[in-house]
């Protein structure tokens, strides 16, 4: 009788161990998939570091700002949004064809812009 009980327990133990191995593999696979889907790889892993473009202008938009006006403004100057909003509520804009002073002046005249400043995180 003891042998029968031991065999029964051993079969259950083997099943539990196999199940734990399968769950461990599933957990590792899902962890890798989550990292891939969250963007912590490739270009997103290097955001804000190294040789990426820096938004030299910080712009704060007022409540009257519209996406259509912003798109028109960005297209007019060939500018792009590089980040935003940051912890201060500012959007960082990059103007490849303008100097910093010209970019600040152009942004301050744009519809819907409440405040403009140079981004201290960008190197000259």
Foldseek 3Di string as FASTA:
>chain_A
DVVVVVVVVVVVVVVVVVVVVVVVVVVVVVVVVVCVVVQCDDPSVQQPDDPDDWQFKWWAFDPVDDPVQVVVLCVVQVKDFRDDDDPVGTTRIDRPPDDSVVVQVSRVPGPGTDDMDTDPSDDD
